[in-house]
Amino acid sequence: MDRIRIKGGRPLSGTIPISGAKNAALPLMAAALLSERPLALAGVPNLADIDTMARLLAELGVEIEIEAEGKGADRGLRLAARDVKSLVAPYDLVRKMRASVLVLGPLLARFGKAKVSLPGGCAIGTRPIDLHLAGLQQLGARIELTDGYVVAAAPKGLVGAEIQIAKVSVGATENLMMAASLARGRTVLDNAAREPEIEDLAECLNAMGARVQGAGGNRIVIDGVERLGGAAHRVLPDRIEAATYALAAAVAGGEVTLRGASALHLGAVLERLQAAGAEIEELPDGLRIARNGTRPRGVDVMTQPFPGFPTDVQAQMMALAAIAEGASMITETVFENRFMHVPELARMGANITVHGASAIVRGVAVLRGAPVMATDLRASVSLVLAGLAAEGETVVNRVYHLDRGYERLEAKLAAAGAEVERLRERG
C-alpha cells in the first residue's frame, strides 16, 4: 500500500488549483441514467470514487468516454445511457462507496424497477438509507430488502408527492430529486438539504429538461416531465478540497491562493479560520489564505448541515486546533464515530480528550512526526495537515482513503512548498 511522507516545518507559498467537487460529480454521473441522450460533464476530478461510479455505470450499460485527458478542470466525461442492459447494482461495486446508492432513484424513475446492494464506504457511522427508501415509497415505489439488496418496483411509474424528509440528508435529497424529475405530477421536498452540490445537480437536471425549483433552500419543488434529454454541464469547484487547503495554510503557516475557491460555499469555515487568526482575502478567481508569524488561536466548532460548518472539514479543523494557543471544543453532530483520527493525532503529541460527541483539544506548541494510520477519507488528510506543522517526519499509511477524495494531493502541496512525497508500494 502507498504511504505519504511529510517533513514538517515548511510554510506554504503559491497557488493551489481547486478540482471539481467529488460530491457533486457523483450524483451528476448517476443523473445520466435518467436519459437516453448523452450527458457531458466537464471538470470531473480524477479520483478513486469517480472510477468506482464509472465502473458501476458501465456495469449497468452506460457508455463512458473520457473527453479530455487533462486533469482537474480540463477533464471531462461523456456518459450515454441509451442501452442500459442491467438494472442491478452489485455488491462488489456498491460496497466500495455509499454514493453508489444514487443510481436507485434514476433507475426506478426511468425503468420502473431496480435492484441495488446496500452500500458501503467509510466507516464513520451507520449512515442508513432509510430516508431514501421512505421518500421513494411516498413516490409510489414498492420496496423490499432481500439478501442485502434493495429491490424496488414502480411498474406504473412514480407519482409526485409531498415529502417531509425526516432528517436533512444530502444523498436522500439528491436521489429523490432525480426520481421526481420523471414522476407524474408535482413533488415537494420539505427539509431538503441546502448544500451547493444540490444546486449543481438541479442546474444540470434543468439543462436536461427537468423542472426543478428552489434548490439551495429547504423546500424544493419538482414538476415531473415525460423524458429528459442530453446536456453539457461543468462540475462546481470542490468546497471541501478548498477548505482543506485553506486549513493547510493555517496549520503550516505562509500564504496560498486557492484558484477557483468560492467564499459563498465556505462561509462557516472562513469565519472559524478568521477567528483562529488567519487572514482571508477574496480574489476575482479564488481566495487568498495567510497565517504569518503568530500561532493560531483555539476556536470552538460544531458541525452542522450546510450552511453550517461541514462535517467533512471537522478532522482538518482538529489538526489546526492541535497546534493552537488555548483550548478548542469540536462537536460532531452529523455522523457518529467520526473521531477515529484522534488516537493518531495523539501519537504526534496532540492533547485531545473525547467526551461523547465532543472533543476538547488543548493546543500544544509543537507536534512531532510519527508513523500514523489513516482510518477514513477526511481523517487521512487531517494527518497530512498535522504533518505539515510537526517537527521531523510523518508517514501516513493506508492513503488509499485519500485517493478517494483528493486529486494529486501531494503534488499540489509540494508545488506550494511542502516537503511531501508518495512512497509507492513495490511488487
Protein backbone atom coordinates (compact mmCIF):
# COMPACT_ATOMS: atom_id res chain seq x y z
CA MET A 1 0.00 0.00 0.00
CA ASP A 2 1.19 3.51 -0.79
CA ARG A 3 2.23 5.84 2.01
CA ILE A 4 2.75 9.60 2.18
CA ARG A 5 5.82 11.04 3.89
CA ILE A 6 5.85 14.63 5.15
CA LYS A 7 8.76 16.57 6.61
CA GLY A 8 7.18 19.36 8.61
CA GLY A 9 8.13 22.91 9.39
CA ARG A 10 7.93 24.47 5.94
CA PRO A 11 5.40 27.27 5.39
CA LEU A 12 3.30 27.14 2.24
CA SER A 13 3.53 29.64 -0.58
CA GLY A 14 1.97 29.60 -4.01
CA THR A 15 -1.23 28.81 -5.89
CA ILE A 16 -3.27 25.64 -5.49
CA PRO A 17 -5.94 24.92 -8.14
CA ILE A 18 -9.21 23.52 -6.78
CA SER A 19 -10.56 20.49 -8.63
CA GLY A 20 -14.17 19.75 -9.44
CA ALA A 21 -16.24 18.57 -6.50
CA LYS A 22 -16.36 14.83 -5.96
CA ASN A 23 -19.62 15.15 -4.03
CA ALA A 24 -21.18 16.99 -6.98
CA ALA A 25 -19.74 14.79 -9.73
CA LEU A 26 -21.06 11.52 -8.29
CA PRO A 27 -24.79 12.41 -8.40
CA LEU A 28 -24.27 14.15 -11.75
CA MET A 29 -22.88 10.90 -13.15
CA ALA A 30 -25.86 8.98 -11.77
CA ALA A 31 -28.19 11.52 -13.42
CA ALA A 32 -27.01 10.22 -16.82
CA LEU A 33 -29.27 7.21 -16.18
CA LEU A 34 -32.34 9.45 -16.45
CA SER A 35 -31.96 9.95 -20.20
CA GLU A 36 -31.11 8.04 -23.34
CA ARG A 37 -29.33 11.16 -24.59
CA PRO A 38 -25.66 11.85 -23.68
CA LEU A 39 -24.62 13.89 -20.67
CA ALA A 40 -21.27 15.68 -20.99
CA LEU A 41 -19.60 16.66 -17.71
CA ALA A 42 -16.57 18.96 -17.56
CA GLY A 43 -14.25 19.44 -14.60
CA VAL A 44 -14.64 15.88 -13.30
CA PRO A 45 -11.91 15.10 -10.75
CA ASN A 46 -9.66 12.10 -11.29
CA LEU A 47 -10.42 10.16 -8.11
CA ALA A 48 -10.97 6.59 -6.95
CA ASP A 49 -14.62 7.28 -6.10
CA ILE A 50 -15.22 8.66 -9.60
CA ASP A 51 -13.67 5.49 -11.03
CA THR A 52 -15.93 3.37 -8.82
CA MET A 53 -19.04 5.18 -10.01
CA ALA A 54 -17.86 4.89 -13.62
CA ARG A 55 -17.39 1.12 -13.21
CA LEU A 56 -20.85 0.80 -11.69
CA LEU A 57 -22.48 2.77 -14.50
CA ALA A 58 -20.55 0.74 -17.08
CA GLU A 59 -21.83 -2.43 -15.40
CA LEU A 60 -25.36 -1.13 -15.95
CA GLY A 61 -24.63 -0.49 -19.63
CA VAL A 62 -23.75 3.22 -19.67
CA GLU A 63 -21.18 4.14 -22.32
CA ILE A 64 -18.48 6.36 -20.83
CA GLU A 65 -15.84 8.29 -22.71
CA ILE A 66 -13.11 10.49 -21.30
CA GLU A 67 -13.46 13.66 -23.34
CA ALA A 68 -10.18 15.21 -22.24
CA GLU A 69 -7.05 13.59 -20.88
CA GLY A 70 -6.15 16.62 -18.77
CA LYS A 71 -6.51 16.85 -15.02
CA GLY A 72 -8.84 18.80 -12.78
CA ALA A 73 -10.85 21.41 -14.61
CA ASP A 74 -9.74 20.06 -18.02
CA ARG A 75 -11.02 16.52 -17.57
CA GLY A 76 -14.41 15.62 -18.96
CA LEU A 77 -16.69 12.61 -19.16
CA ARG A 78 -19.36 11.82 -21.73
CA LEU A 79 -21.98 9.40 -20.43
CA ALA A 80 -24.63 7.82 -22.66
CA ALA A 81 -27.30 5.58 -21.08
CA ARG A 82 -29.23 4.74 -24.25
CA ASP A 83 -28.61 0.98 -23.96
CA VAL A 84 -28.95 0.18 -20.28
CA LYS A 85 -28.61 -3.60 -20.06
CA SER A 86 -28.89 -4.22 -16.33
CA LEU A 87 -30.93 -2.78 -13.50
CA VAL A 88 -28.83 -4.46 -10.80
CA ALA A 89 -26.11 -2.58 -8.92
CA PRO A 90 -24.00 -5.41 -7.46
CA TYR A 91 -22.49 -5.64 -4.01
CA ASP A 92 -18.89 -5.89 -5.25
CA LEU A 93 -19.09 -2.33 -6.59
CA VAL A 94 -21.60 -0.67 -4.28
CA ARG A 95 -19.77 -1.84 -1.13
CA LYS A 96 -16.83 0.41 -2.01
CA MET A 97 -18.76 3.68 -1.90
CA ARG A 98 -22.01 4.79 -0.30
CA ALA A 99 -22.77 7.24 -3.08
CA SER A 100 -23.45 4.24 -5.33
CA VAL A 101 -27.00 4.17 -3.92
CA LEU A 102 -27.66 7.29 -6.02
CA VAL A 103 -28.36 5.06 -9.03
CA LEU A 104 -31.51 3.78 -7.28
CA GLY A 105 -33.75 6.80 -7.91
CA PRO A 106 -32.81 7.27 -11.58
CA LEU A 107 -33.18 3.56 -12.44
CA LEU A 108 -36.53 3.32 -10.70
CA ALA A 109 -37.84 6.51 -12.31
CA ARG A 110 -36.84 5.63 -15.86
CA PHE A 111 -37.26 1.86 -15.95
CA GLY A 112 -39.78 1.16 -13.19
CA LYS A 113 -37.56 -1.19 -11.22
CA ALA A 114 -34.09 -1.51 -9.72
CA LYS A 115 -32.06 -3.82 -7.51
CA VAL A 116 -29.27 -2.07 -5.62
CA SER A 117 -26.99 -3.51 -2.98
CA LEU A 118 -26.98 -1.86 0.40
CA PRO A 119 -23.99 0.49 0.26
CA GLY A 120 -20.55 0.61 1.85
CA GLY A 121 -17.89 3.34 2.14
CA CYS A 122 -16.02 4.99 5.00
CA ALA A 123 -16.59 3.55 8.46
CA ILE A 124 -17.86 6.78 10.00
CA GLY A 125 -21.22 5.63 11.27
CA THR A 126 -24.28 3.83 10.01
CA ARG A 127 -25.46 6.48 7.52
CA PRO A 128 -28.65 4.50 6.78
CA ILE A 129 -30.52 4.89 3.51
CA ASP A 130 -33.95 4.63 5.10
CA LEU A 131 -34.62 8.29 4.23
CA HIS A 132 -34.04 7.46 0.54
CA LEU A 133 -36.36 4.46 0.73
CA ALA A 134 -39.13 6.23 2.66
CA GLY A 135 -39.20 9.03 0.08
CA LEU A 136 -39.29 6.64 -2.86
CA GLN A 137 -42.16 4.75 -1.22
CA GLN A 138 -44.07 8.03 -0.98
CA LEU A 139 -43.50 8.42 -4.72
CA GLY A 140 -45.26 5.07 -5.19
CA ALA A 141 -42.40 2.58 -5.19
CA ARG A 142 -42.73 -0.88 -3.66
CA ILE A 143 -39.55 -1.69 -1.78
CA GLU A 144 -38.24 -4.89 -0.23
CA LEU A 145 -34.92 -5.61 1.45
CA THR A 146 -33.75 -9.06 0.35
CA ASP A 147 -30.34 -10.70 0.86
CA GLY A 148 -28.57 -7.37 1.33
CA TYR A 149 -30.25 -5.72 -1.66
CA VAL A 150 -32.89 -3.04 -2.06
CA VAL A 151 -35.42 -4.40 -4.56
CA ALA A 152 -37.64 -1.55 -5.79
CA ALA A 153 -40.50 -1.54 -8.29
CA ALA A 154 -42.89 1.03 -9.70
CA PRO A 155 -44.46 -0.77 -12.68
CA LYS A 156 -46.91 2.07 -13.36
CA GLY A 157 -44.31 4.76 -12.83
CA LEU A 158 -43.63 7.13 -9.95
CA VAL A 159 -46.19 9.73 -8.90
CA GLY A 160 -45.40 13.11 -7.37
CA ALA A 161 -45.95 13.58 -3.64
CA GLU A 162 -45.29 15.97 -0.77
CA ILE A 163 -42.35 14.50 1.14
CA GLN A 164 -41.19 15.68 4.55
CA ILE A 165 -37.62 14.40 4.84
CA ALA A 166 -37.28 13.37 8.48
CA LYS A 167 -33.64 14.45 8.79
CA VAL A 168 -31.58 16.64 6.49
CA SER A 169 -29.78 14.29 4.09
CA VAL A 170 -27.80 15.27 1.02
CA GLY A 171 -27.98 11.82 -0.54
CA ALA A 172 -31.72 11.41 0.05
CA THR A 173 -32.40 14.87 -1.37
CA GLU A 174 -30.39 14.04 -4.49
CA ASN A 175 -31.96 10.61 -5.01
CA LEU A 176 -35.49 11.92 -4.58
CA MET A 177 -34.87 14.98 -6.75
CA MET A 178 -33.65 12.77 -9.60
CA ALA A 179 -36.50 10.28 -9.20
CA ALA A 180 -39.14 13.05 -9.05
CA SER A 181 -37.83 14.57 -12.29
CA LEU A 182 -39.55 11.73 -14.21
CA ALA A 183 -42.53 11.23 -11.87
CA ARG A 184 -46.03 12.19 -12.88
CA GLY A 185 -47.13 15.45 -11.32
CA ARG A 186 -45.53 17.66 -8.70
CA THR A 187 -43.18 16.60 -5.91
CA VAL A 188 -42.32 18.82 -2.97
CA LEU A 189 -39.29 18.02 -0.83
CA ASP A 190 -39.51 19.71 2.57
CA ASN A 191 -36.49 19.81 4.89
CA ALA A 192 -34.29 19.31 1.84
CA ALA A 193 -30.51 19.59 2.10
CA ARG A 194 -29.17 23.00 1.06
CA GLU A 195 -25.60 22.13 0.01
CA PRO A 196 -24.14 23.74 -3.13
CA GLU A 197 -23.91 20.25 -4.66
CA ILE A 198 -27.72 20.09 -4.56
CA GLU A 199 -27.91 23.33 -6.53
CA ASP A 200 -25.35 21.98 -9.00
CA LEU A 201 -27.41 18.83 -9.58
CA ALA A 202 -30.59 20.89 -10.05
CA GLU A 203 -28.85 23.10 -12.60
CA CYS A 204 -27.76 20.03 -14.57
CA LEU A 205 -31.20 18.40 -14.36
CA ASN A 206 -32.84 21.60 -15.62
CA ALA A 207 -30.36 21.71 -18.50
CA MET A 208 -31.58 18.18 -19.35
CA GLY A 209 -35.17 19.43 -19.41
CA ALA A 210 -36.26 18.86 -15.81
CA ARG A 211 -38.35 21.41 -13.90
CA VAL A 212 -36.68 21.84 -10.53
CA GLN A 213 -37.18 24.96 -8.43
CA GLY A 214 -35.90 26.02 -5.01
CA ALA A 215 -32.65 24.05 -4.85
CA GLY A 216 -30.38 25.66 -2.28
CA GLY A 217 -33.34 26.23 0.04
CA ASN A 218 -35.06 23.76 2.34
CA ARG A 219 -38.10 23.36 0.06
CA ILE A 220 -37.57 22.02 -3.45
CA VAL A 221 -40.40 21.71 -5.97
CA ILE A 222 -40.07 19.32 -8.91
CA ASP A 223 -42.66 19.13 -11.69
CA GLY A 224 -42.13 15.79 -13.40
CA VAL A 225 -41.62 15.54 -17.14
CA GLU A 226 -42.12 12.60 -19.50
CA ARG A 227 -38.47 12.35 -20.54
CA LEU A 228 -35.16 14.14 -20.18
CA GLY A 229 -32.63 14.97 -22.87
CA GLY A 230 -28.90 15.46 -23.01
CA ALA A 231 -26.89 18.36 -21.64
CA ALA A 232 -23.41 19.75 -21.07
CA HIS A 233 -22.53 20.79 -17.53
CA ARG A 234 -19.41 21.84 -15.59
CA VAL A 235 -18.94 20.43 -12.09
CA LEU A 236 -18.61 23.15 -9.46
CA PRO A 237 -15.29 23.50 -7.57
CA ASP A 238 -14.81 21.27 -4.54
CA ARG A 239 -15.53 23.31 -1.41
CA ILE A 240 -14.18 20.54 0.86
CA GLU A 241 -10.89 20.44 -1.01
CA ALA A 242 -10.73 24.24 -0.87
CA ALA A 243 -11.41 24.20 2.87
CA THR A 244 -8.72 21.55 3.35
CA TYR A 245 -6.04 23.62 1.61
CA ALA A 246 -7.17 26.76 3.43
CA LEU A 247 -6.62 24.89 6.68
CA ALA A 248 -3.30 23.57 5.38
CA ALA A 249 -2.11 27.16 5.04
CA ALA A 250 -3.37 27.99 8.53
CA VAL A 251 -1.67 24.90 10.01
CA ALA A 252 1.66 25.19 8.20
CA GLY A 253 1.79 28.97 8.05
CA GLY A 254 2.56 31.02 4.98
CA GLU A 255 0.23 32.18 2.24
CA VAL A 256 -1.61 30.38 -0.55
CA THR A 257 -4.03 31.34 -3.30
CA LEU A 258 -6.83 28.85 -3.87
CA ARG A 259 -7.73 29.22 -7.53
CA GLY A 260 -11.40 28.52 -8.15
CA ALA A 261 -12.47 28.51 -4.49
CA SER A 262 -15.75 30.26 -3.68
CA ALA A 263 -16.28 32.21 -0.45
CA LEU A 264 -20.05 31.68 -0.89
CA HIS A 265 -19.56 27.96 -0.34
CA LEU A 266 -17.12 28.30 2.58
CA GLY A 267 -18.74 30.85 4.86
CA ALA A 268 -18.69 28.86 8.11
CA VAL A 269 -15.15 27.58 7.52
CA LEU A 270 -13.76 31.01 6.68
CA GLU A 271 -15.42 32.54 9.74
CA ARG A 272 -13.75 29.99 12.02
CA LEU A 273 -10.41 30.42 10.24
CA GLN A 274 -10.54 34.17 10.78
CA ALA A 275 -11.41 33.61 14.44
CA ALA A 276 -8.30 31.42 14.67
CA GLY A 277 -6.17 34.25 13.29
CA ALA A 278 -5.91 33.52 9.57
CA GLU A 279 -6.07 36.32 7.02
CA ILE A 280 -8.58 35.83 4.21
CA GLU A 281 -8.97 37.84 1.03
CA GLU A 282 -11.47 37.26 -1.76
CA LEU A 283 -9.92 37.43 -5.23
CA PRO A 284 -11.58 37.57 -8.66
CA ASP A 285 -10.67 33.92 -9.28
CA GLY A 286 -10.47 32.49 -5.77
CA LEU A 287 -9.27 33.14 -2.23
CA ARG A 288 -6.02 34.09 -0.52
CA ILE A 289 -5.35 32.47 2.86
CA ALA A 290 -2.42 33.53 5.07
CA ARG A 291 -1.08 32.94 8.55
CA ASN A 292 2.25 34.57 9.18
CA GLY A 293 4.15 34.88 12.43
CA THR A 294 1.56 34.29 15.10
CA ARG A 295 0.35 30.98 16.50
CA PRO A 296 -3.31 30.23 15.68
CA ARG A 297 -5.91 30.67 18.41
CA GLY A 298 -8.18 27.93 19.67
CA VAL A 299 -11.77 28.10 18.44
CA ASP A 300 -14.92 26.09 19.05
CA VAL A 301 -16.59 24.28 16.17
CA MET A 302 -19.89 22.41 15.85
CA THR A 303 -20.60 20.54 12.63
CA GLN A 304 -23.98 21.19 11.01
CA PRO A 305 -25.60 20.67 7.61
CA PHE A 306 -24.88 23.47 5.13
CA PRO A 307 -24.61 26.42 5.63
CA GLY A 308 -23.12 25.30 8.94
CA PHE A 309 -19.60 24.01 9.47
CA PRO A 310 -19.13 20.88 7.30
CA THR A 311 -18.62 17.52 8.95
CA ASP A 312 -16.16 16.80 6.12
CA VAL A 313 -13.85 19.53 7.47
CA GLN A 314 -14.03 18.59 11.15
CA ALA A 315 -10.89 16.42 11.15
CA GLN A 316 -8.85 19.08 9.33
CA MET A 317 -10.02 21.70 11.86
CA MET A 318 -8.83 19.42 14.64
CA ALA A 319 -5.33 19.44 13.14
CA LEU A 320 -5.34 23.23 13.42
CA ALA A 321 -6.73 23.14 16.96
CA ALA A 322 -3.95 20.72 17.94
CA ILE A 323 -1.31 23.44 17.47
CA ALA A 324 -3.44 26.42 18.50
CA GLU A 325 -2.92 28.55 21.57
CA GLY A 326 -5.59 27.69 24.13
CA ALA A 327 -8.35 25.10 24.04
CA SER A 328 -10.92 24.27 21.37
CA MET A 329 -14.13 22.26 21.62
CA ILE A 330 -15.08 20.37 18.47
CA THR A 331 -18.55 18.85 18.44
CA GLU A 332 -19.73 16.40 15.79
CA THR A 333 -23.49 16.38 15.24
CA VAL A 334 -23.77 14.85 11.76
CA PHE A 335 -22.06 11.43 11.96
CA GLU A 336 -21.23 9.25 14.92
CA ASN A 337 -17.85 7.52 15.12
CA ARG A 338 -16.06 10.35 13.35
CA PHE A 339 -13.23 10.92 15.83
CA MET A 340 -11.13 7.96 14.67
CA HIS A 341 -8.25 10.30 13.82
CA VAL A 342 -7.88 11.34 17.48
CA PRO A 343 -5.58 8.45 18.56
CA GLU A 344 -3.38 9.04 15.52
CA LEU A 345 -3.07 12.78 16.23
CA ALA A 346 -2.24 11.84 19.82
CA ARG A 347 0.69 9.78 18.51
CA MET A 348 2.07 13.07 17.20
CA GLY A 349 1.70 14.75 20.57
CA ALA A 350 -1.77 16.26 20.30
CA ASN A 351 -3.66 16.69 23.57
CA ILE A 352 -7.24 15.63 22.84
CA THR A 353 -9.94 14.30 25.15
CA VAL A 354 -13.16 12.91 23.71
CA HIS A 355 -16.44 13.13 25.63
CA GLY A 356 -19.22 11.53 23.58
CA ALA A 357 -19.84 13.72 20.53
CA SER A 358 -17.35 16.41 21.61
CA ALA A 359 -13.57 16.60 21.68
CA ILE A 360 -11.61 19.01 23.86
CA VAL A 361 -8.37 19.93 22.10
CA ARG A 362 -5.72 21.66 24.19
CA GLY A 363 -3.24 23.08 21.75
CA VAL A 364 0.44 22.23 22.07
CA ALA A 365 3.34 24.34 20.87
CA VAL A 366 4.89 21.54 18.84
CA LEU A 367 3.66 18.33 17.22
CA ARG A 368 6.23 15.64 16.45
CA GLY A 369 6.34 13.49 13.37
CA ALA A 370 5.35 9.84 13.75
CA PRO A 371 4.06 6.91 11.71
CA VAL A 372 0.26 7.14 11.66
CA MET A 373 -2.63 5.21 10.13
CA ALA A 374 -5.41 6.69 8.02
CA THR A 375 -8.88 5.46 9.02
CA ASP A 376 -11.15 7.30 6.58
CA LEU A 377 -11.01 9.95 3.88
CA ARG A 378 -11.08 13.16 5.91
CA ALA A 379 -9.15 11.67 8.84
CA SER A 380 -6.40 10.83 6.35
CA VAL A 381 -5.92 14.38 5.22
CA SER A 382 -6.02 15.72 8.80
CA LEU A 383 -2.91 13.63 9.48
CA VAL A 384 -1.19 15.09 6.43
CA LEU A 385 -2.03 18.60 7.66
CA ALA A 386 -0.70 17.81 11.12
CA GLY A 387 2.48 16.51 9.49
CA LEU A 388 2.98 19.88 7.76
CA ALA A 389 3.36 21.53 11.16
CA ALA A 390 5.17 18.73 13.00
CA GLU A 391 8.87 18.52 13.80
CA GLY A 392 10.56 15.73 11.92
CA GLU A 393 9.00 13.16 9.62
CA THR A 394 5.42 11.90 9.50
CA VAL A 395 4.45 8.86 7.44
CA VAL A 396 0.73 8.38 6.76
CA ASN A 397 -0.18 4.77 6.00
CA ARG A 398 -3.24 3.43 4.13
CA VAL A 399 -3.56 6.51 1.92
CA TYR A 400 -5.96 4.77 -0.47
CA HIS A 401 -8.58 6.64 1.55
CA LEU A 402 -7.04 9.92 0.37
CA ASP A 403 -7.21 8.86 -3.25
CA ARG A 404 -10.99 8.57 -2.95
CA GLY A 405 -11.37 12.32 -2.41
CA TYR A 406 -8.22 14.33 -3.19
CA GLU A 407 -6.78 14.71 -6.66
CA ARG A 408 -2.95 14.87 -6.70
CA LEU A 409 -2.79 15.93 -3.04
CA GLU A 410 0.95 15.55 -2.60
CA ALA A 411 1.70 17.26 -5.94
CA LYS A 412 -0.48 20.25 -5.07
CA LEU A 413 1.08 20.63 -1.62
CA ALA A 414 4.62 20.16 -2.97
CA ALA A 415 4.02 22.87 -5.59
CA ALA A 416 3.18 25.21 -2.70
CA GLY A 417 6.42 24.44 -0.89
CA ALA A 418 5.59 21.48 1.31
CA GLU A 419 8.13 18.69 1.63
CA VAL A 420 5.82 15.80 0.87
CA GLU A 421 6.10 12.70 -1.28
CA ARG A 422 4.28 9.47 -2.02
CA LEU A 423 6.09 6.26 -1.20
CA ARG A 424 4.78 3.70 -3.65
CA GLU A 425 4.47 0.08 -2.67
CA ARG A 426 6.57 -2.19 -4.84
CA GLY A 427 5.56 -5.56 -6.06
